[in-house]
Structure formats: C-alpha cells, structure tokens
Amino acid sequence: MERDYKKEYAKYGKSRAAKKYRAALNKYNRQKGTYGNGDGKDAAHSGRRIKGFMRAALNRANNRPKVRNSKRS
C-alpha cells in the first residue's frame, strides 16, 4: 500500500503543535514588520528556534530532510 503524503501533510498541518509553531513564526514576522510586505523573506528557523530572516525558498528547503534538499548550494 502506498503512502498518501498529501493526506499525511494535511493531517500534520491541523495538529495543535503545527498550529502553535506556525502562529509563532507568523507572530515573529508581524512583530518585525516583514509579514505580507512581499520582500520574499521568512523567519529563519532551525529545528524549533526562530532566529532572524532568510529567503523563503532557502529557509523552507533547509528544514526538509537533507536527502531532498536541493536548494542548499
């Protein structure tokens, strides 16, 4: 039986932990004035720590499993 990754990701996104973490990132972005301003930056996160800003695409790629990380270079 094949895994339904879309379904798994949707289930994770609804979890209490995911919502709390997403809210913390959004709050940080709003406080720093970069939320929704179109600058292409995200709150940089390493594991569960929020620190500074970086390009959104690179930031999201860095937090995937390293085997699939193609935007690193």
C-alpha atoms as a PDB file:
ATOM      1  CA  MET A   1       0.000   0.000   0.000  1.00  0.00           C
ATOM      2  CA  GLU A   2       1.394   3.391  -0.990  1.00  0.00           C
ATOM      3  CA  ARG A   3       1.536   6.301   1.427  1.00  0.00           C
ATOM      4  CA  ASP A   4      -0.696   9.289   0.794  1.00  0.00           C
ATOM      5  CA  TYR A   5       1.773  12.080   1.564  1.00  0.00           C
ATOM      6  CA  LYS A   6      -0.749  14.818   0.784  1.00  0.00           C
ATOM      7  CA  LYS A   7      -3.127  13.378   3.366  1.00  0.00           C
ATOM      8  CA  GLU A   8      -0.333  12.994   5.939  1.00  0.00           C
ATOM      9  CA  TYR A   9       0.817  16.589   5.454  1.00  0.00           C
ATOM     10  CA  ALA A  10      -2.751  17.874   5.782  1.00  0.00           C
ATOM     11  CA  LYS A  11      -3.176  15.892   8.989  1.00  0.00           C
ATOM     12  CA  TYR A  12       0.069  17.304  10.417  1.00  0.00           C
ATOM     13  CA  GLY A  13      -0.937  20.862   9.475  1.00  0.00           C
ATOM     14  CA  LYS A  14      -4.125  20.519  11.522  1.00  0.00           C
ATOM     15  CA  SER A  15      -2.310  19.308  14.643  1.00  0.00           C
ATOM     16  CA  ARG A  16      -2.153  21.516  17.716  1.00  0.00           C
ATOM     17  CA  ALA A  17       1.675  21.554  17.636  1.00  0.00           C
ATOM     18  CA  ALA A  18       1.834  22.609  13.975  1.00  0.00           C
ATOM     19  CA  LYS A  19      -0.688  25.407  14.515  1.00  0.00           C
ATOM     20  CA  LYS A  20       1.181  26.692  17.560  1.00  0.00           C
ATOM     21  CA  TYR A  21       4.509  26.672  15.703  1.00  0.00           C
ATOM     22  CA  ARG A  22       3.048  28.336  12.596  1.00  0.00           C
ATOM     23  CA  ALA A  23       1.432  31.009  14.793  1.00  0.00           C
ATOM     24  CA  ALA A  24       4.780  31.707  16.482  1.00  0.00           C
ATOM     25  CA  LEU A  25       6.501  32.178  13.102  1.00  0.00           C
ATOM     26  CA  ASN A  26       3.709  34.470  11.877  1.00  0.00           C
ATOM     27  CA  LYS A  27       3.818  36.485  15.105  1.00  0.00           C
ATOM     28  CA  TYR A  28       7.590  36.946  14.762  1.00  0.00           C
ATOM     29  CA  ASN A  29       7.167  38.079  11.140  1.00  0.00           C
ATOM     30  CA  ARG A  30       4.450  40.564  12.112  1.00  0.00           C
ATOM     31  CA  GLN A  31       6.499  41.995  15.003  1.00  0.00           C
ATOM     32  CA  LYS A  32       9.476  42.552  12.717  1.00  0.00           C
ATOM     33  CA  GLY A  33       7.291  44.156  10.037  1.00  0.00           C
ATOM     34  CA  THR A  34       8.035  41.677   7.263  1.00  0.00           C
ATOM     35  CA  TYR A  35       4.744  39.768   7.221  1.00  0.00           C
ATOM     36  CA  GLY A  36       2.986  40.261   3.892  1.00  0.00           C
ATOM     37  CA  ASN A  37       5.251  43.016   2.591  1.00  0.00           C
ATOM     38  CA  GLY A  38       6.409  41.000  -0.423  1.00  0.00           C
ATOM     39  CA  ASP A  39      10.119  41.002   0.421  1.00  0.00           C
ATOM     40  CA  GLY A  40      10.346  37.202  -0.003  1.00  0.00           C
ATOM     41  CA  LYS A  41      11.746  36.700   3.498  1.00  0.00           C
ATOM     42  CA  ASP A  42      10.655  34.237   6.175  1.00  0.00           C
ATOM     43  CA  ALA A  43      11.545  33.987   9.832  1.00  0.00           C
ATOM     44  CA  ALA A  44      14.593  31.703   9.774  1.00  0.00           C
ATOM     45  CA  HIS A  45      14.002  28.599  11.816  1.00  0.00           C
ATOM     46  CA  SER A  46      16.405  25.839  12.700  1.00  0.00           C
ATOM     47  CA  GLY A  47      14.560  22.987  14.320  1.00  0.00           C
ATOM     48  CA  ARG A  48      12.214  24.793  16.698  1.00  0.00           C
ATOM     49  CA  ARG A  49      14.235  28.000  17.160  1.00  0.00           C
ATOM     50  CA  ILE A  50      13.357  31.234  15.377  1.00  0.00           C
ATOM     51  CA  LYS A  51      16.345  33.413  14.505  1.00  0.00           C
ATOM     52  CA  GLY A  52      16.448  36.263  12.012  1.00  0.00           C
ATOM     53  CA  PHE A  53      15.301  36.188   8.395  1.00  0.00           C
ATOM     54  CA  MET A  54      16.322  34.483   5.172  1.00  0.00           C
ATOM     55  CA  ARG A  55      14.984  33.920   1.657  1.00  0.00           C
ATOM     56  CA  ALA A  56      11.735  31.964   1.938  1.00  0.00           C
ATOM     57  CA  ALA A  57      12.633  29.251  -0.605  1.00  0.00           C
ATOM     58  CA  LEU A  58      16.008  28.533   1.018  1.00  0.00           C
ATOM     59  CA  ASN A  59      14.531  28.644   4.516  1.00  0.00           C
ATOM     60  CA  ARG A  60      11.853  26.082   3.651  1.00  0.00           C
ATOM     61  CA  ALA A  61      14.332  23.856   1.811  1.00  0.00           C
ATOM     62  CA  ASN A  62      16.676  23.841   4.810  1.00  0.00           C
ATOM     63  CA  ASN A  63      14.039  22.337   7.060  1.00  0.00           C
ATOM     64  CA  ARG A  64      13.325  19.313   4.878  1.00  0.00           C
ATOM     65  CA  PRO A  65      15.245  16.069   5.191  1.00  0.00           C
ATOM     66  CA  LYS A  66      18.782  16.699   3.900  1.00  0.00           C
ATOM     67  CA  VAL A  67      18.461  13.951   1.281  1.00  0.00           C
ATOM     68  CA  ARG A  68      15.825  16.016  -0.546  1.00  0.00           C
ATOM     69  CA  ASN A  69      17.498  19.396  -0.005  1.00  0.00           C
ATOM     70  CA  SER A  70      18.357  20.609  -3.496  1.00  0.00           C
ATOM     71  CA  LYS A  71      18.433  24.395  -2.861  1.00  0.00           C
ATOM     72  CA  ARG A  72      21.336  24.336  -0.422  1.00  0.00           C
ATOM     73  CA  SER A  73      24.137  25.465  -2.720  1.00  0.00           C
END
